[in-house]
Amino acid sequence: MKTVQISLNSIDKVKSFVNAITQFDYDFDLISGRYVIDAKSIMGIFSLDLSKPIDLAIHVENDVDEILEALKPYLV
């Protein structure tokens, strides 16, 4: 598992982020305080405080570089 911080401070960024990670068959969780949300759920993401960076847990053993390349626009 790899954890990175991302910023999703606009509606368009949330939509493009979900589109980017749904192309991967791995599990992604967004962690904000005590809340853990499925990162592929747009409704779940909008339930979080998007004004500050959020931790993204990527449940993967390999292909990390490919995933991080796709996430580059959102990384803090």
PDB file of N, CA and C in Angstrom:
ATOM      1  N   MET A   1       0.842  -1.187   0.000  1.00  0.00           N
ATOM      2  CA  MET A   1       0.000   0.000   0.000  1.00  0.00           C
ATOM      3  C   MET A   1       0.880   1.241   0.000  1.00  0.00           C
ATOM      4  N   LYS A   2       0.473   2.243  -0.746  1.00  0.00           N
ATOM      5  CA  LYS A   2       1.185   3.526  -0.807  1.00  0.00           C
ATOM      6  C   LYS A   2       0.197   4.624  -0.474  1.00  0.00           C
ATOM      7  N   THR A   3       0.652   5.611   0.304  1.00  0.00           N
ATOM      8  CA  THR A   3      -0.206   6.734   0.669  1.00  0.00           C
ATOM      9  C   THR A   3       0.421   8.032   0.173  1.00  0.00           C
ATOM     10  N   VAL A   4      -0.394   8.858  -0.489  1.00  0.00           N
ATOM     11  CA  VAL A   4       0.046  10.164  -0.973  1.00  0.00           C
ATOM     12  C   VAL A   4      -1.007  11.201  -0.599  1.00  0.00           C
ATOM     13  N   GLN A   5      -0.622  12.478  -0.626  1.00  0.00           N
ATOM     14  CA  GLN A   5      -1.584  13.547  -0.369  1.00  0.00           C
ATOM     15  C   GLN A   5      -2.014  14.148  -1.697  1.00  0.00           C
ATOM     16  N   ILE A   6      -3.316  14.394  -1.817  1.00  0.00           N
ATOM     17  CA  ILE A   6      -3.855  14.992  -3.036  1.00  0.00           C
ATOM     18  C   ILE A   6      -4.719  16.185  -2.676  1.00  0.00           C
ATOM     19  N   SER A   7      -4.959  17.022  -3.670  1.00  0.00           N
ATOM     20  CA  SER A   7      -5.832  18.179  -3.506  1.00  0.00           C
ATOM     21  C   SER A   7      -6.941  18.095  -4.550  1.00  0.00           C
ATOM     22  N   LEU A   8      -8.174  18.149  -4.082  1.00  0.00           N
ATOM     23  CA  LEU A   8      -9.345  18.113  -4.970  1.00  0.00           C
ATOM     24  C   LEU A   8     -10.206  19.333  -4.650  1.00  0.00           C
ATOM     25  N   ASN A   9      -9.727  20.520  -5.029  1.00  0.00           N
ATOM     26  CA  ASN A   9     -10.383  21.749  -4.590  1.00  0.00           C
ATOM     27  C   ASN A   9     -11.377  22.338  -5.588  1.00  0.00           C
ATOM     28  N   SER A  10     -11.803  21.541  -6.576  1.00  0.00           N
ATOM     29  CA  SER A  10     -12.864  22.009  -7.477  1.00  0.00           C
ATOM     30  C   SER A  10     -13.679  20.810  -7.969  1.00  0.00           C
ATOM     31  N   ILE A  11     -14.868  21.091  -8.435  1.00  0.00           N
ATOM     32  CA  ILE A  11     -15.751  20.035  -8.932  1.00  0.00           C
ATOM     33  C   ILE A  11     -15.123  19.341 -10.136  1.00  0.00           C
ATOM     34  N   ASP A  12     -14.528  20.125 -11.033  1.00  0.00           N
ATOM     35  CA  ASP A  12     -13.898  19.539 -12.223  1.00  0.00           C
ATOM     36  C   ASP A  12     -12.737  18.625 -11.851  1.00  0.00           C
ATOM     37  N   LYS A  13     -11.970  19.009 -10.822  1.00  0.00           N
ATOM     38  CA  LYS A  13     -10.855  18.167 -10.384  1.00  0.00           C
ATOM     39  C   LYS A  13     -11.368  16.846  -9.812  1.00  0.00           C
ATOM     40  N   VAL A  14     -12.465  16.890  -9.077  1.00  0.00           N
ATOM     41  CA  VAL A  14     -13.036  15.661  -8.512  1.00  0.00           C
ATOM     42  C   VAL A  14     -13.472  14.735  -9.642  1.00  0.00           C
ATOM     43  N   LYS A  15     -14.178  15.273 -10.639  1.00  0.00           N
ATOM     44  CA  LYS A  15     -14.650  14.441 -11.751  1.00  0.00           C
ATOM     45  C   LYS A  15     -13.487  13.836 -12.529  1.00  0.00           C
ATOM     46  N   SER A  16     -12.470  14.628 -12.837  1.00  0.00           N
ATOM     47  CA  SER A  16     -11.343  14.100 -13.609  1.00  0.00           C
ATOM     48  C   SER A  16     -10.519  13.121 -12.780  1.00  0.00           C
ATOM     49  N   PHE A  17     -10.437  13.339 -11.444  1.00  0.00           N
ATOM     50  CA  PHE A  17      -9.727  12.414 -10.557  1.00  0.00           C
ATOM     51  C   PHE A  17     -10.412  11.047 -10.562  1.00  0.00           C
ATOM     52  N   VAL A  18     -11.727  11.024 -10.408  1.00  0.00           N
ATOM     53  CA  VAL A  18     -12.469   9.755 -10.400  1.00  0.00           C
ATOM     54  C   VAL A  18     -12.326   9.054 -11.743  1.00  0.00           C
ATOM     55  N   ASN A  19     -12.388   9.805 -12.842  1.00  0.00           N
ATOM     56  CA  ASN A  19     -12.195   9.199 -14.164  1.00  0.00           C
ATOM     57  C   ASN A  19     -10.793   8.609 -14.306  1.00  0.00           C
ATOM     58  N   ALA A  20      -9.793   9.273 -13.736  1.00  0.00           N
ATOM     59  CA  ALA A  20      -8.409   8.797 -13.834  1.00  0.00           C
ATOM     60  C   ALA A  20      -8.197   7.494 -13.063  1.00  0.00           C
ATOM     61  N   ILE A  21      -8.779   7.388 -11.854  1.00  0.00           N
ATOM     62  CA  ILE A  21      -8.501   6.192 -11.057  1.00  0.00           C
ATOM     63  C   ILE A  21      -9.409   5.019 -11.389  1.00  0.00           C
ATOM     64  N   THR A  22     -10.545   5.265 -12.028  1.00  0.00           N
ATOM     65  CA  THR A  22     -11.419   4.137 -12.372  1.00  0.00           C
ATOM     66  C   THR A  22     -10.823   3.276 -13.479  1.00  0.00           C
ATOM     67  N   GLN A  23      -9.807   3.759 -14.172  1.00  0.00           N
ATOM     68  CA  GLN A  23      -9.159   2.927 -15.200  1.00  0.00           C
ATOM     69  C   GLN A  23      -8.266   1.851 -14.579  1.00  0.00           C
ATOM     70  N   PHE A  24      -8.020   1.940 -13.270  1.00  0.00           N
ATOM     71  CA  PHE A  24      -7.212   0.940 -12.573  1.00  0.00           C
ATOM     72  C   PHE A  24      -8.122   0.007 -11.784  1.00  0.00           C
ATOM     73  N   ASP A  25      -7.745  -1.269 -11.707  1.00  0.00           N
ATOM     74  CA  ASP A  25      -8.555  -2.265 -11.009  1.00  0.00           C
ATOM     75  C   ASP A  25      -8.221  -2.376  -9.524  1.00  0.00           C
ATOM     76  N   TYR A  26      -7.459  -1.439  -8.999  1.00  0.00           N
ATOM     77  CA  TYR A  26      -7.047  -1.492  -7.590  1.00  0.00           C
ATOM     78  C   TYR A  26      -8.024  -0.705  -6.725  1.00  0.00           C
ATOM     79  N   ASP A  27      -7.907  -0.912  -5.412  1.00  0.00           N
ATOM     80  CA  ASP A  27      -8.729  -0.154  -4.465  1.00  0.00           C
ATOM     81  C   ASP A  27      -8.009   1.121  -4.073  1.00  0.00           C
ATOM     82  N   PHE A  28      -8.776   2.210  -3.995  1.00  0.00           N
ATOM     83  CA  PHE A  28      -8.264   3.510  -3.583  1.00  0.00           C
ATOM     84  C   PHE A  28      -9.168   4.021  -2.469  1.00  0.00           C
ATOM     85  N   ASP A  29      -8.576   4.466  -1.362  1.00  0.00           N
ATOM     86  CA  ASP A  29      -9.348   5.038  -0.258  1.00  0.00           C
ATOM     87  C   ASP A  29      -8.885   6.459   0.006  1.00  0.00           C
ATOM     88  N   LEU A  30      -9.833   7.353   0.252  1.00  0.00           N
ATOM     89  CA  LEU A  30      -9.509   8.706   0.687  1.00  0.00           C
ATOM     90  C   LEU A  30      -9.701   8.769   2.187  1.00  0.00           C
ATOM     91  N   ILE A  31      -8.718   9.316   2.894  1.00  0.00           N
ATOM     92  CA  ILE A  31      -8.742   9.361   4.349  1.00  0.00           C
ATOM     93  C   ILE A  31      -8.680  10.818   4.791  1.00  0.00           C
ATOM     94  N   SER A  32      -9.713  11.249   5.487  1.00  0.00           N
ATOM     95  CA  SER A  32      -9.782  12.617   6.004  1.00  0.00           C
ATOM     96  C   SER A  32     -10.234  12.526   7.452  1.00  0.00           C
ATOM     97  N   GLY A  33      -9.292  12.728   8.365  1.00  0.00           N
ATOM     98  CA  GLY A  33      -9.613  12.575   9.782  1.00  0.00           C
ATOM     99  C   GLY A  33      -9.954  11.128  10.063  1.00  0.00           C
ATOM    100  N   ARG A  34     -11.150  10.902  10.613  1.00  0.00           N
ATOM    101  CA  ARG A  34     -11.553   9.523  10.926  1.00  0.00           C
ATOM    102  C   ARG A  34     -12.422   8.900   9.834  1.00  0.00           C
ATOM    103  N   TYR A  35     -12.616   9.630   8.742  1.00  0.00           N
ATOM    104  CA  TYR A  35     -13.435   9.132   7.645  1.00  0.00           C
ATOM    105  C   TYR A  35     -12.574   8.457   6.577  1.00  0.00           C
ATOM    106  N   VAL A  36     -13.027   7.299   6.128  1.00  0.00           N
ATOM    107  CA  VAL A  36     -12.375   6.585   5.032  1.00  0.00           C
ATOM    108  C   VAL A  36     -13.447   6.367   3.955  1.00  0.00           C
ATOM    109  N   ILE A  37     -13.189   6.910   2.778  1.00  0.00           N
ATOM    110  CA  ILE A  37     -14.161   6.905   1.678  1.00  0.00           C
ATOM    111  C   ILE A  37     -13.555   6.180   0.476  1.00  0.00           C
ATOM    112  N   ASP A  38     -14.376   5.431  -0.252  1.00  0.00           N
ATOM    113  CA  ASP A  38     -13.944   4.828  -1.513  1.00  0.00           C
ATOM    114  C   ASP A  38     -13.660   5.966  -2.491  1.00  0.00           C
ATOM    115  N   ALA A  39     -12.420   6.055  -2.974  1.00  0.00           N
ATOM    116  CA  ALA A  39     -12.021   7.172  -3.835  1.00  0.00           C
ATOM    117  C   ALA A  39     -12.696   7.135  -5.205  1.00  0.00           C
ATOM    118  N   LYS A  40     -13.328   6.038  -5.570  1.00  0.00           N
ATOM    119  CA  LYS A  40     -14.025   5.952  -6.858  1.00  0.00           C
ATOM    120  C   LYS A  40     -15.477   6.413  -6.759  1.00  0.00           C
ATOM    121  N   SER A  41     -15.880   6.870  -5.569  1.00  0.00           N
ATOM    122  CA  SER A  41     -17.248   7.321  -5.330  1.00  0.00           C
ATOM    123  C   SER A  41     -17.302   8.851  -5.320  1.00  0.00           C
ATOM    124  N   ILE A  42     -17.901   9.427  -6.360  1.00  0.00           N
ATOM    125  CA  ILE A  42     -18.003  10.885  -6.425  1.00  0.00           C
ATOM    126  C   ILE A  42     -18.817  11.417  -5.249  1.00  0.00           C
ATOM    127  N   MET A  43     -19.911  10.772  -4.927  1.00  0.00           N
ATOM    128  CA  MET A  43     -20.737  11.238  -3.803  1.00  0.00           C
ATOM    129  C   MET A  43     -19.962  11.157  -2.493  1.00  0.00           C
ATOM    130  N   GLY A  44     -19.189  10.097  -2.323  1.00  0.00           N
ATOM    131  CA  GLY A  44     -18.379   9.977  -1.116  1.00  0.00           C
ATOM    132  C   GLY A  44     -17.353  11.086  -1.011  1.00  0.00           C
ATOM    133  N   ILE A  45     -16.709  11.420  -2.118  1.00  0.00           N
ATOM    134  CA  ILE A  45     -15.694  12.477  -2.110  1.00  0.00           C
ATOM    135  C   ILE A  45     -16.315  13.816  -1.709  1.00  0.00           C
ATOM    136  N   PHE A  46     -17.501  14.098  -2.217  1.00  0.00           N
ATOM    137  CA  PHE A  46     -18.142  15.373  -1.886  1.00  0.00           C
ATOM    138  C   PHE A  46     -18.604  15.441  -0.429  1.00  0.00           C
ATOM    139  N   SER A  47     -18.587  14.323   0.292  1.00  0.00           N
ATOM    140  CA  SER A  47     -18.934  14.359   1.717  1.00  0.00           C
ATOM    141  C   SER A  47     -17.734  14.775   2.576  1.00  0.00           C
ATOM    142  N   LEU A  48     -16.546  14.883   1.947  1.00  0.00           N
ATOM    143  CA  LEU A  48     -15.333  15.259   2.680  1.00  0.00           C
ATOM    144  C   LEU A  48     -15.092  16.765   2.600  1.00  0.00           C
ATOM    145  N   ASP A  49     -14.238  17.257   3.497  1.00  0.00           N
ATOM    146  CA  ASP A  49     -13.804  18.656   3.465  1.00  0.00           C
ATOM    147  C   ASP A  49     -12.721  18.773   2.392  1.00  0.00           C
ATOM    148  N   LEU A  50     -13.065  19.353   1.251  1.00  0.00           N
ATOM    149  CA  LEU A  50     -12.145  19.426   0.121  1.00  0.00           C
ATOM    150  C   LEU A  50     -11.298  20.696   0.126  1.00  0.00           C
ATOM    151  N   SER A  51     -11.399  21.504   1.183  1.00  0.00           N
ATOM    152  CA  SER A  51     -10.630  22.747   1.232  1.00  0.00           C
ATOM    153  C   SER A  51      -9.175  22.516   1.625  1.00  0.00           C
ATOM    154  N   LYS A  52      -8.857  21.317   2.097  1.00  0.00           N
ATOM    155  CA  LYS A  52      -7.473  21.011   2.468  1.00  0.00           C
ATOM    156  C   LYS A  52      -7.062  19.680   1.839  1.00  0.00           C
ATOM    157  N   PRO A  53      -5.764  19.397   1.773  1.00  0.00           N
ATOM    158  CA  PRO A  53      -5.307  18.136   1.169  1.00  0.00           C
ATOM    159  C   PRO A  53      -5.861  16.906   1.897  1.00  0.00           C
ATOM    160  N   ILE A  54      -6.039  15.827   1.132  1.00  0.00           N
ATOM    161  CA  ILE A  54      -6.604  14.579   1.636  1.00  0.00           C
ATOM    162  C   ILE A  54      -5.592  13.466   1.378  1.00  0.00           C
ATOM    163  N   ASP A  55      -5.520  12.495   2.287  1.00  0.00           N
ATOM    164  CA  ASP A  55      -4.641  11.340   2.082  1.00  0.00           C
ATOM    165  C   ASP A  55      -5.327  10.334   1.173  1.00  0.00           C
ATOM    166  N   LEU A  56      -4.584   9.847   0.187  1.00  0.00           N
ATOM    167  CA  LEU A  56      -5.071   8.815  -0.723  1.00  0.00           C
ATOM    168  C   LEU A  56      -4.263   7.555  -0.480  1.00  0.00           C
ATOM    169  N   ALA A  57      -4.939   6.477  -0.064  1.00  0.00           N
ATOM    170  CA  ALA A  57      -4.290   5.181   0.135  1.00  0.00           C
ATOM    171  C   ALA A  57      -4.518   4.352  -1.123  1.00  0.00           C
ATOM    172  N   ILE A  58      -3.408   3.927  -1.734  1.00  0.00           N
ATOM    173  CA  ILE A  58      -3.469   3.123  -2.950  1.00  0.00           C
ATOM    174  C   ILE A  58      -3.106   1.695  -2.566  1.00  0.00           C
ATOM    175  N   HIS A  59      -4.048   0.778  -2.705  1.00  0.00           N
ATOM    176  CA  HIS A  59      -3.832  -0.619  -2.308  1.00  0.00           C
ATOM    177  C   HIS A  59      -3.285  -1.404  -3.503  1.00  0.00           C
ATOM    178  N   VAL A  60      -1.964  -1.324  -3.670  1.00  0.00           N
ATOM    179  CA  VAL A  60      -1.313  -1.943  -4.824  1.00  0.00           C
ATOM    180  C   VAL A  60       0.099  -2.360  -4.435  1.00  0.00           C
ATOM    181  N   GLU A  61       0.570  -3.432  -5.023  1.00  0.00           N
ATOM    182  CA  GLU A  61       1.934  -3.895  -4.766  1.00  0.00           C
ATOM    183  C   GLU A  61       2.886  -3.485  -5.895  1.00  0.00           C
ATOM    184  N   ASN A  62       2.369  -3.433  -7.129  1.00  0.00           N
ATOM    185  CA  ASN A  62       3.192  -3.039  -8.268  1.00  0.00           C
ATOM    186  C   ASN A  62       2.413  -2.024  -9.092  1.00  0.00           C
ATOM    187  N   ASP A  63       2.977  -1.559 -10.195  1.00  0.00           N
ATOM    188  CA  ASP A  63       2.354  -0.538 -11.051  1.00  0.00           C
ATOM    189  C   ASP A  63       2.190   0.812 -10.351  1.00  0.00           C
ATOM    190  N   VAL A  64       2.914   1.035  -9.261  1.00  0.00           N
ATOM    191  CA  VAL A  64       2.772   2.288  -8.518  1.00  0.00           C
ATOM    192  C   VAL A  64       3.175   3.479  -9.383  1.00  0.00           C
ATOM    193  N   ASP A  65       4.241   3.342 -10.167  1.00  0.00           N
ATOM    194  CA  ASP A  65       4.707   4.455 -10.999  1.00  0.00           C
ATOM    195  C   ASP A  65       3.655   4.878 -12.017  1.00  0.00           C
ATOM    196  N   GLU A  66       2.983   3.902 -12.613  1.00  0.00           N
ATOM    197  CA  GLU A  66       1.935   4.208 -13.591  1.00  0.00           C
ATOM    198  C   GLU A  66       0.769   4.959 -12.933  1.00  0.00           C
ATOM    199  N   ILE A  67       0.405   4.537 -11.744  1.00  0.00           N
ATOM    200  CA  ILE A  67      -0.696   5.188 -11.019  1.00  0.00           C
ATOM    201  C   ILE A  67      -0.292   6.607 -10.623  1.00  0.00           C
ATOM    202  N   LEU A  68       0.921   6.781 -10.097  1.00  0.00           N
ATOM    203  CA  LEU A  68       1.370   8.111  -9.685  1.00  0.00           C
ATOM    204  C   LEU A  68       1.461   9.061 -10.875  1.00  0.00           C
ATOM    205  N   GLU A  69       1.807   8.538 -12.038  1.00  0.00           N
ATOM    206  CA  GLU A  69       1.849   9.373 -13.249  1.00  0.00           C
ATOM    207  C   GLU A  69       0.439   9.879 -13.584  1.00  0.00           C
ATOM    208  N   ALA A  70      -0.561   9.008 -13.457  1.00  0.00           N
ATOM    209  CA  ALA A  70      -1.950   9.409 -13.723  1.00  0.00           C
ATOM    210  C   ALA A  70      -2.473  10.401 -12.678  1.00  0.00           C
ATOM    211  N   LEU A  71      -1.920  10.330 -11.458  1.00  0.00           N
ATOM    212  CA  LEU A  71      -2.372  11.187 -10.361  1.00  0.00           C
ATOM    213  C   LEU A  71      -1.585  12.489 -10.252  1.00  0.00           C
ATOM    214  N   LYS A  72      -0.610  12.689 -11.104  1.00  0.00           N
ATOM    215  CA  LYS A  72       0.292  13.851 -11.009  1.00  0.00           C
ATOM    216  C   LYS A  72      -0.441  15.187 -10.877  1.00  0.00           C
ATOM    217  N   PRO A  73      -1.536  15.434 -11.612  1.00  0.00           N
ATOM    218  CA  PRO A  73      -2.210  16.754 -11.502  1.00  0.00           C
ATOM    219  C   PRO A  73      -2.841  16.995 -10.124  1.00  0.00           C
ATOM    220  N   TYR A  74      -3.010  15.942  -9.322  1.00  0.00           N
ATOM    221  CA  TYR A  74      -3.709  16.077  -8.039  1.00  0.00           C
ATOM    222  C   TYR A  74      -2.786  16.024  -6.835  1.00  0.00           C
ATOM    223  N   LEU A  75      -1.547  15.601  -7.037  1.00  0.00           N
ATOM    224  CA  LEU A  75      -0.605  15.432  -5.929  1.00  0.00           C
ATOM    225  C   LEU A  75      -0.241  16.785  -5.342  1.00  0.00           C
ATOM    226  N   VAL A  76      -0.072  16.784  -4.022  1.00  0.00           N
ATOM    227  CA  VAL A  76       0.303  18.020  -3.317  1.00  0.00           C
ATOM    228  C   VAL A  76       1.813  18.106  -3.261  1.00  0.00           C
TER     229      VAL A  76
END
